[in-house]
Amino acid sequence: MNAKTVKLLCQQLHLPGLQSGFETQSTSASYLDMPFDDRLVALLQAQLNFQQNNRQATLKRQAKLRFPSTYLEQIEQKFYPELKMPTLRQLAKCDWIRAHQHVLLIGPTGTGKTTLACAFANEAIQQQIPVLFFRMANLLLQLVAARNENTLNKLARKIARAPLLVLDDWGNALMSSEERHLFFELIEARDQQGSLMITSQYPVTTWHETFQDATIADSVLDRIVHKSHQLTLNGESIRKQQGLSGGEHDH
């Protein structure tokens, strides 16, 4: 069987990774003396890598992260003195997502909450875990708009498919009656089914005020707070420390 036939078969079977691996083997002398089984494993691994990379790129587009190019290895410890590297490494394994737990990132403006949230989200995406990122205010607007347009079920299904939902800037505005009921339904539907990563300028003890309804607040927060890992960020604004007027560390 010649190389042209192999290339054609790979195209017909939609195996571009395997085709690329075969072309590499065909032009590299290092594969000439390699046993057939080893060459086959290398070809299958090339196809798997292609599929995983393609899947990862798709998940990244779908996530719509605010800072899509931020990764944990880029995080400078000096800007996060309260955070311990063993804690970050443990959370980076994403076992908390598989256990349907949550992460709360609390701290003043400028302490890097959003940057850290996007870095954790990228760790999940690298492990083939779907993620969705929303500014909290925008999510509430989308829920209300979806209800008015009779597309709420479609939006709810989209959100439900993401094991990790990132909610940025929790608590910046009070919820209306419609917003808090829609948000309660979303949280209830995800209870024991998905994880949240929440960033907020406000301590958890003040979150009740956002709902303007003690009963709903208790119900929502009971589903979140008691199953969460809380990371508190303090200190000066990272933007100020870097001497910048803007950048990816504004939250």
C-alpha atoms as a PDB file:
ATOM      1  CA  MET A   1       0.000   0.000   0.000  1.00  0.00           C
ATOM      2  CA  ASN A   2       1.522   3.330  -1.036  1.00  0.00           C
ATOM      3  CA  ALA A   3       1.442   6.646   0.804  1.00  0.00           C
ATOM      4  CA  LYS A   4      -1.121   8.141  -1.593  1.00  0.00           C
ATOM      5  CA  THR A   5      -3.616   5.372  -0.766  1.00  0.00           C
ATOM      6  CA  VAL A   6      -3.099   5.822   2.980  1.00  0.00           C
ATOM      7  CA  LYS A   7      -3.653   9.575   2.634  1.00  0.00           C
ATOM      8  CA  LEU A   8      -6.859   9.005   0.656  1.00  0.00           C
ATOM      9  CA  LEU A   9      -8.194   6.513   3.210  1.00  0.00           C
ATOM     10  CA  CYS A  10      -7.439   8.906   6.069  1.00  0.00           C
ATOM     11  CA  GLN A  11      -9.365  11.632   4.275  1.00  0.00           C
ATOM     12  CA  GLN A  12     -12.331   9.341   3.630  1.00  0.00           C
ATOM     13  CA  LEU A  13     -12.350   8.233   7.278  1.00  0.00           C
ATOM     14  CA  HIS A  14     -11.888  11.815   8.532  1.00  0.00           C
ATOM     15  CA  LEU A  15      -8.653  11.018  10.376  1.00  0.00           C
ATOM     16  CA  PRO A  16      -6.492  14.117   9.829  1.00  0.00           C
ATOM     17  CA  GLY A  17      -4.387  13.487  12.926  1.00  0.00           C
ATOM     18  CA  LEU A  18      -3.517   9.986  11.786  1.00  0.00           C
ATOM     19  CA  GLN A  19      -2.747  11.302   8.288  1.00  0.00           C
ATOM     20  CA  SER A  20      -0.392  13.915   9.697  1.00  0.00           C
ATOM     21  CA  GLY A  21       1.276  11.275  11.884  1.00  0.00           C
ATOM     22  CA  PHE A  22       1.716   8.971   8.881  1.00  0.00           C
ATOM     23  CA  GLU A  23       3.297  11.763   6.846  1.00  0.00           C
ATOM     24  CA  THR A  24       5.701  12.433   9.709  1.00  0.00           C
ATOM     25  CA  GLN A  25       6.646   8.757   9.902  1.00  0.00           C
ATOM     26  CA  SER A  26       7.105   8.591   6.132  1.00  0.00           C
ATOM     27  CA  THR A  27       9.624  11.429   6.113  1.00  0.00           C
ATOM     28  CA  SER A  28      11.566  10.610   9.280  1.00  0.00           C
ATOM     29  CA  ALA A  29      14.321   7.995   9.356  1.00  0.00           C
ATOM     30  CA  SER A  30      13.827   7.553  13.103  1.00  0.00           C
ATOM     31  CA  TYR A  31      10.704   5.475  12.430  1.00  0.00           C
ATOM     32  CA  LEU A  32      12.293   3.033   9.980  1.00  0.00           C
ATOM     33  CA  ASP A  33      13.426   0.514  12.592  1.00  0.00           C
ATOM     34  CA  MET A  34      10.495   1.011  14.931  1.00  0.00           C
ATOM     35  CA  PRO A  35       8.286  -2.073  15.469  1.00  0.00           C
ATOM     36  CA  PHE A  36       4.905  -1.998  13.727  1.00  0.00           C
ATOM     37  CA  ASP A  37       2.980  -1.925  17.026  1.00  0.00           C
ATOM     38  CA  ASP A  38       4.903   1.121  18.213  1.00  0.00           C
ATOM     39  CA  ARG A  39       4.315   2.947  14.940  1.00  0.00           C
ATOM     40  CA  LEU A  40       0.617   2.140  15.123  1.00  0.00           C
ATOM     41  CA  VAL A  41       0.410   3.436  18.695  1.00  0.00           C
ATOM     42  CA  ALA A  42       2.129   6.651  17.574  1.00  0.00           C
ATOM     43  CA  LEU A  43      -0.381   7.069  14.734  1.00  0.00           C
ATOM     44  CA  LEU A  44      -3.372   6.495  17.010  1.00  0.00           C
ATOM     45  CA  GLN A  45      -1.905   8.898  19.560  1.00  0.00           C
ATOM     46  CA  ALA A  46      -1.523  11.528  16.840  1.00  0.00           C
ATOM     47  CA  GLN A  47      -5.203  11.180  15.973  1.00  0.00           C
ATOM     48  CA  LEU A  48      -6.222  11.359  19.638  1.00  0.00           C
ATOM     49  CA  ASN A  49      -4.105  14.476  20.159  1.00  0.00           C
ATOM     50  CA  PHE A  50      -5.721  16.098  17.134  1.00  0.00           C
ATOM     51  CA  GLN A  51      -9.214  15.360  18.431  1.00  0.00           C
ATOM     52  CA  GLN A  52      -8.415  16.612  21.926  1.00  0.00           C
ATOM     53  CA  ASN A  53      -6.837  19.819  20.618  1.00  0.00           C
ATOM     54  CA  ASN A  54      -9.798  20.413  18.324  1.00  0.00           C
ATOM     55  CA  ARG A  55     -12.225  19.786  21.186  1.00  0.00           C
ATOM     56  CA  GLN A  56     -10.262  22.111  23.449  1.00  0.00           C
ATOM     57  CA  ALA A  57     -10.371  24.900  20.854  1.00  0.00           C
ATOM     58  CA  THR A  58     -14.136  24.459  20.517  1.00  0.00           C
ATOM     59  CA  LEU A  59     -14.657  24.554  24.286  1.00  0.00           C
ATOM     60  CA  LYS A  60     -12.566  27.707  24.515  1.00  0.00           C
ATOM     61  CA  ARG A  61     -14.671  29.480  21.891  1.00  0.00           C
ATOM     62  CA  GLN A  62     -17.878  28.412  23.595  1.00  0.00           C
ATOM     63  CA  ALA A  63     -16.706  29.479  27.062  1.00  0.00           C
ATOM     64  CA  LYS A  64     -16.356  33.160  26.061  1.00  0.00           C
ATOM     65  CA  LEU A  65     -13.883  33.863  28.859  1.00  0.00           C
ATOM     66  CA  ARG A  66     -13.154  37.485  29.549  1.00  0.00           C
ATOM     67  CA  PHE A  67      -9.432  36.743  29.469  1.00  0.00           C
ATOM     68  CA  PRO A  68      -9.133  33.635  27.243  1.00  0.00           C
ATOM     69  CA  SER A  69      -5.329  33.598  27.158  1.00  0.00           C
ATOM     70  CA  THR A  70      -4.780  33.511  30.922  1.00  0.00           C
ATOM     71  CA  TYR A  71      -3.353  30.338  32.479  1.00  0.00           C
ATOM     72  CA  LEU A  72      -2.354  29.399  36.006  1.00  0.00           C
ATOM     73  CA  GLU A  73       1.317  29.047  35.099  1.00  0.00           C
ATOM     74  CA  GLN A  74       1.268  32.753  34.214  1.00  0.00           C
ATOM     75  CA  ILE A  75      -0.044  33.773  37.630  1.00  0.00           C
ATOM     76  CA  GLU A  76       2.634  35.707  39.529  1.00  0.00           C
ATOM     77  CA  GLN A  77       2.643  34.685  43.187  1.00  0.00           C
ATOM     78  CA  LYS A  78       3.752  38.148  44.315  1.00  0.00           C
ATOM     79  CA  PHE A  79       0.381  39.568  43.234  1.00  0.00           C
ATOM     80  CA  TYR A  80      -1.495  36.893  45.232  1.00  0.00           C
ATOM     81  CA  PRO A  81       0.396  36.705  48.538  1.00  0.00           C
ATOM     82  CA  GLU A  82      -2.571  35.128  50.389  1.00  0.00           C
ATOM     83  CA  LEU A  83      -2.804  32.190  47.990  1.00  0.00           C
ATOM     84  CA  LYS A  84      -0.760  29.073  48.627  1.00  0.00           C
ATOM     85  CA  MET A  85       0.596  27.261  45.593  1.00  0.00           C
ATOM     86  CA  PRO A  86      -0.451  23.812  46.914  1.00  0.00           C
ATOM     87  CA  THR A  87      -4.039  25.123  47.071  1.00  0.00           C
ATOM     88  CA  LEU A  88      -3.883  26.412  43.488  1.00  0.00           C
ATOM     89  CA  ARG A  89      -2.373  23.152  42.241  1.00  0.00           C
ATOM     90  CA  GLN A  90      -5.059  21.137  44.019  1.00  0.00           C
ATOM     91  CA  LEU A  91      -7.883  23.238  42.554  1.00  0.00           C
ATOM     92  CA  ALA A  92      -6.226  23.046  39.122  1.00  0.00           C
ATOM     93  CA  LYS A  93      -6.859  19.284  39.122  1.00  0.00           C
ATOM     94  CA  CYS A  94     -10.581  20.159  38.834  1.00  0.00           C
ATOM     95  CA  ASP A  95     -11.680  17.389  41.206  1.00  0.00           C
ATOM     96  CA  TRP A  96     -13.974  19.972  42.825  1.00  0.00           C
ATOM     97  CA  ILE A  97     -15.843  20.273  39.513  1.00  0.00           C
ATOM     98  CA  ARG A  98     -16.278  16.523  39.271  1.00  0.00           C
ATOM     99  CA  ALA A  99     -17.618  16.571  42.847  1.00  0.00           C
ATOM    100  CA  HIS A 100     -20.066  19.400  41.987  1.00  0.00           C
ATOM    101  CA  GLN A 101     -18.446  21.786  44.440  1.00  0.00           C
ATOM    102  CA  HIS A 102     -17.869  25.522  44.009  1.00  0.00           C
ATOM    103  CA  VAL A 103     -15.088  28.115  44.253  1.00  0.00           C
ATOM    104  CA  LEU A 104     -15.660  31.643  45.578  1.00  0.00           C
ATOM    105  CA  LEU A 105     -13.078  34.327  44.780  1.00  0.00           C
ATOM    106  CA  ILE A 106     -13.643  37.273  47.120  1.00  0.00           C
ATOM    107  CA  GLY A 107     -11.719  40.549  47.212  1.00  0.00           C
ATOM    108  CA  PRO A 108     -11.687  44.252  46.363  1.00  0.00           C
ATOM    109  CA  THR A 109     -11.538  45.583  42.814  1.00  0.00           C
ATOM    110  CA  GLY A 110      -8.140  45.122  41.217  1.00  0.00           C
ATOM    111  CA  THR A 111      -6.995  42.092  43.194  1.00  0.00           C
ATOM    112  CA  GLY A 112      -7.116  39.746  40.186  1.00  0.00           C
ATOM    113  CA  LYS A 113     -10.307  37.767  40.804  1.00  0.00           C
ATOM    114  CA  THR A 114     -11.436  37.646  37.180  1.00  0.00           C
ATOM    115  CA  THR A 115      -7.943  36.817  35.960  1.00  0.00           C
ATOM    116  CA  LEU A 116      -7.717  33.929  38.416  1.00  0.00           C
ATOM    117  CA  ALA A 117     -11.202  32.703  37.497  1.00  0.00           C
ATOM    118  CA  CYS A 118     -10.280  32.619  33.803  1.00  0.00           C
ATOM    119  CA  ALA A 119      -7.048  30.773  34.617  1.00  0.00           C
ATOM    120  CA  PHE A 120      -8.984  28.097  36.514  1.00  0.00           C
ATOM    121  CA  ALA A 121     -11.526  27.927  33.685  1.00  0.00           C
ATOM    122  CA  ASN A 122      -8.724  27.270  31.215  1.00  0.00           C
ATOM    123  CA  GLU A 123      -7.464  24.443  33.426  1.00  0.00           C
ATOM    124  CA  ALA A 124     -10.924  22.879  33.154  1.00  0.00           C
ATOM    125  CA  ILE A 125     -11.013  23.366  29.382  1.00  0.00           C
ATOM    126  CA  GLN A 126      -7.608  21.682  29.059  1.00  0.00           C
ATOM    127  CA  GLN A 127      -9.194  18.695  30.799  1.00  0.00           C
ATOM    128  CA  GLN A 128     -12.035  18.698  28.254  1.00  0.00           C
ATOM    129  CA  ILE A 129     -14.546  20.122  30.768  1.00  0.00           C
ATOM    130  CA  PRO A 130     -17.076  22.543  29.188  1.00  0.00           C
ATOM    131  CA  VAL A 131     -17.208  26.006  30.765  1.00  0.00           C
ATOM    132  CA  LEU A 132     -19.437  29.060  30.383  1.00  0.00           C
ATOM    133  CA  PHE A 133     -18.453  32.550  31.543  1.00  0.00           C
ATOM    134  CA  PHE A 134     -20.987  35.279  32.355  1.00  0.00           C
ATOM    135  CA  ARG A 135     -20.851  38.655  33.978  1.00  0.00           C
ATOM    136  CA  MET A 136     -23.524  38.246  36.640  1.00  0.00           C
ATOM    137  CA  ALA A 137     -25.502  41.281  35.443  1.00  0.00           C
ATOM    138  CA  ASN A 138     -25.450  40.006  31.846  1.00  0.00           C
ATOM    139  CA  LEU A 139     -26.652  36.556  32.882  1.00  0.00           C
ATOM    140  CA  LEU A 140     -29.645  38.045  34.679  1.00  0.00           C
ATOM    141  CA  LEU A 141     -30.469  40.154  31.627  1.00  0.00           C
ATOM    142  CA  GLN A 142     -30.222  37.103  29.373  1.00  0.00           C
ATOM    143  CA  LEU A 143     -32.487  35.058  31.642  1.00  0.00           C
ATOM    144  CA  VAL A 144     -35.165  37.776  31.626  1.00  0.00           C
ATOM    145  CA  ALA A 145     -34.862  38.292  27.863  1.00  0.00           C
ATOM    146  CA  ALA A 146     -35.079  34.543  27.237  1.00  0.00           C
ATOM    147  CA  ARG A 147     -38.252  34.292  29.290  1.00  0.00           C
ATOM    148  CA  ASN A 148     -39.806  37.203  27.378  1.00  0.00           C
ATOM    149  CA  GLU A 149     -38.831  35.627  24.059  1.00  0.00           C
ATOM    150  CA  ASN A 150     -39.952  32.107  25.064  1.00  0.00           C
ATOM    151  CA  THR A 151     -36.395  30.782  24.699  1.00  0.00           C
ATOM    152  CA  LEU A 152     -35.707  30.183  28.393  1.00  0.00           C
ATOM    153  CA  ASN A 153     -35.628  26.401  28.016  1.00  0.00           C
ATOM    154  CA  LYS A 154     -33.013  26.706  25.264  1.00  0.00           C
ATOM    155  CA  LEU A 155     -30.803  28.959  27.393  1.00  0.00           C
ATOM    156  CA  ALA A 156     -31.271  26.707  30.424  1.00  0.00           C
ATOM    157  CA  ARG A 157     -30.190  23.644  28.413  1.00  0.00           C
ATOM    158  CA  LYS A 158     -27.106  25.494  27.157  1.00  0.00           C
ATOM    159  CA  ILE A 159     -26.093  26.428  30.699  1.00  0.00           C
ATOM    160  CA  ALA A 160     -26.870  22.959  32.046  1.00  0.00           C
ATOM    161  CA  ARG A 161     -24.453  21.375  29.547  1.00  0.00           C
ATOM    162  CA  ALA A 162     -21.537  23.235  31.148  1.00  0.00           C
ATOM    163  CA  PRO A 163     -20.218  21.472  34.266  1.00  0.00           C
ATOM    164  CA  LEU A 164     -18.549  24.772  35.257  1.00  0.00           C
ATOM    165  CA  LEU A 165     -20.412  28.086  35.226  1.00  0.00           C
ATOM    166  CA  VAL A 166     -18.298  31.169  35.986  1.00  0.00           C
ATOM    167  CA  LEU A 167     -20.237  34.133  37.424  1.00  0.00           C
ATOM    168  CA  ASP A 168     -18.178  37.308  37.452  1.00  0.00           C
ATOM    169  CA  ASP A 169     -18.959  40.366  39.623  1.00  0.00           C
ATOM    170  CA  TRP A 170     -21.617  38.865  41.886  1.00  0.00           C
ATOM    171  CA  GLY A 171     -23.535  41.393  43.969  1.00  0.00           C
ATOM    172  CA  ASN A 172     -22.935  44.607  42.035  1.00  0.00           C
ATOM    173  CA  ALA A 173     -26.677  45.289  41.695  1.00  0.00           C
ATOM    174  CA  LEU A 174     -29.852  44.321  43.517  1.00  0.00           C
ATOM    175  CA  MET A 175     -32.020  41.704  41.815  1.00  0.00           C
ATOM    176  CA  SER A 176     -35.553  42.395  40.696  1.00  0.00           C
ATOM    177  CA  SER A 177     -38.305  39.968  41.625  1.00  0.00           C
ATOM    178  CA  GLU A 178     -38.177  38.330  38.179  1.00  0.00           C
ATOM    179  CA  GLU A 179     -34.394  38.091  38.184  1.00  0.00           C
ATOM    180  CA  ARG A 180     -34.138  36.450  41.575  1.00  0.00           C
ATOM    181  CA  HIS A 181     -36.792  33.851  40.754  1.00  0.00           C
ATOM    182  CA  LEU A 182     -35.122  32.998  37.437  1.00  0.00           C
ATOM    183  CA  PHE A 183     -31.734  32.817  39.116  1.00  0.00           C
ATOM    184  CA  PHE A 184     -33.127  30.590  41.858  1.00  0.00           C
ATOM    185  CA  GLU A 185     -34.496  28.205  39.219  1.00  0.00           C
ATOM    186  CA  LEU A 186     -31.104  28.106  37.506  1.00  0.00           C
ATOM    187  CA  ILE A 187     -29.230  27.361  40.748  1.00  0.00           C
ATOM    188  CA  GLU A 188     -31.778  24.765  41.806  1.00  0.00           C
ATOM    189  CA  ALA A 189     -31.491  23.005  38.435  1.00  0.00           C
ATOM    190  CA  ARG A 190     -27.687  22.861  38.771  1.00  0.00           C
ATOM    191  CA  ASP A 191     -27.704  21.685  42.402  1.00  0.00           C
ATOM    192  CA  GLN A 192     -25.708  18.424  42.598  1.00  0.00           C
ATOM    193  CA  GLN A 193     -25.322  18.618  38.799  1.00  0.00           C
ATOM    194  CA  GLY A 194     -22.732  21.334  38.178  1.00  0.00           C
ATOM    195  CA  SER A 195     -20.196  23.689  39.718  1.00  0.00           C
ATOM    196  CA  LEU A 196     -19.962  27.451  40.078  1.00  0.00           C
ATOM    197  CA  MET A 197     -16.986  29.770  40.235  1.00  0.00           C
ATOM    198  CA  ILE A 198     -18.055  33.141  41.581  1.00  0.00           C
ATOM    199  CA  THR A 199     -16.077  36.367  41.836  1.00  0.00           C
ATOM    200  CA  SER A 200     -17.306  39.161  44.090  1.00  0.00           C
ATOM    201  CA  GLN A 201     -16.101  42.362  45.693  1.00  0.00           C
ATOM    202  CA  TYR A 202     -18.377  41.671  48.631  1.00  0.00           C
ATOM    203  CA  PRO A 203     -17.950  39.219  51.520  1.00  0.00           C
ATOM    204  CA  VAL A 204     -20.288  36.245  51.503  1.00  0.00           C
ATOM    205  CA  THR A 205     -21.989  37.525  54.676  1.00  0.00           C
ATOM    206  CA  THR A 206     -23.490  40.400  52.640  1.00  0.00           C
ATOM    207  CA  TRP A 207     -24.763  38.363  49.683  1.00  0.00           C
ATOM    208  CA  HIS A 208     -28.271  38.063  51.122  1.00  0.00           C
ATOM    209  CA  GLU A 209     -28.847  41.753  50.439  1.00  0.00           C
ATOM    210  CA  THR A 210     -28.564  41.275  46.677  1.00  0.00           C
ATOM    211  CA  PHE A 211     -31.706  39.133  46.565  1.00  0.00           C
ATOM    212  CA  GLN A 212     -34.002  41.467  48.520  1.00  0.00           C
ATOM    213  CA  ASP A 213     -35.835  38.321  49.606  1.00  0.00           C
ATOM    214  CA  ALA A 214     -34.555  36.428  52.643  1.00  0.00           C
ATOM    215  CA  THR A 215     -36.251  33.130  51.777  1.00  0.00           C
ATOM    216  CA  ILE A 216     -34.851  32.901  48.256  1.00  0.00           C
ATOM    217  CA  ALA A 217     -31.462  34.160  49.452  1.00  0.00           C
ATOM    218  CA  ASP A 218     -31.277  31.413  52.076  1.00  0.00           C
ATOM    219  CA  SER A 219     -32.296  28.767  49.555  1.00  0.00           C
ATOM    220  CA  VAL A 220     -29.779  29.846  46.905  1.00  0.00           C
ATOM    221  CA  LEU A 221     -26.847  30.460  49.227  1.00  0.00           C
ATOM    222  CA  ASP A 222     -27.429  27.214  51.127  1.00  0.00           C
ATOM    223  CA  ARG A 223     -26.852  25.388  47.837  1.00  0.00           C
ATOM    224  CA  ILE A 224     -23.620  27.286  47.176  1.00  0.00           C
ATOM    225  CA  VAL A 225     -21.733  28.413  50.261  1.00  0.00           C
ATOM    226  CA  HIS A 226     -21.634  25.153  52.225  1.00  0.00           C
ATOM    227  CA  LYS A 227     -20.055  23.250  49.320  1.00  0.00           C
ATOM    228  CA  SER A 228     -17.492  25.841  48.319  1.00  0.00           C
ATOM    229  CA  HIS A 229     -13.779  26.553  48.491  1.00  0.00           C
ATOM    230  CA  GLN A 230     -13.360  30.223  49.361  1.00  0.00           C
ATOM    231  CA  LEU A 231     -10.262  32.162  48.313  1.00  0.00           C
ATOM    232  CA  THR A 232      -9.954  35.671  49.746  1.00  0.00           C
ATOM    233  CA  LEU A 233      -7.768  38.171  47.899  1.00  0.00           C
ATOM    234  CA  ASN A 234      -6.527  41.293  49.653  1.00  0.00           C
ATOM    235  CA  GLY A 235      -3.844  43.883  49.217  1.00  0.00           C
ATOM    236  CA  GLU A 236      -3.256  46.663  46.748  1.00  0.00           C
ATOM    237  CA  SER A 237      -4.661  46.713  43.248  1.00  0.00           C
ATOM    238  CA  ILE A 238      -2.504  44.653  40.901  1.00  0.00           C
ATOM    239  CA  ARG A 239      -2.984  47.359  38.304  1.00  0.00           C
ATOM    240  CA  LYS A 240      -1.470  49.861  40.714  1.00  0.00           C
ATOM    241  CA  GLN A 241       1.412  47.532  41.519  1.00  0.00           C
ATOM    242  CA  GLN A 242       2.172  47.070  37.835  1.00  0.00           C
ATOM    243  CA  GLY A 243       1.915  50.792  37.198  1.00  0.00           C
ATOM    244  CA  LEU A 244      -0.632  50.226  34.429  1.00  0.00           C
ATOM    245  CA  SER A 245      -3.727  52.135  33.447  1.00  0.00           C
ATOM    246  CA  GLY A 246      -5.525  48.937  32.499  1.00  0.00           C
ATOM    247  CA  GLY A 247      -4.927  45.290  31.640  1.00  0.00           C
ATOM    248  CA  GLU A 248      -6.073  41.836  32.502  1.00  0.00           C
ATOM    249  CA  HIS A 249      -5.760  42.278  36.256  1.00  0.00           C
ATOM    250  CA  ASP A 250      -8.488  44.896  36.640  1.00  0.00           C
ATOM    251  CA  HIS A 251     -10.710  42.580  38.635  1.00  0.00           C
END
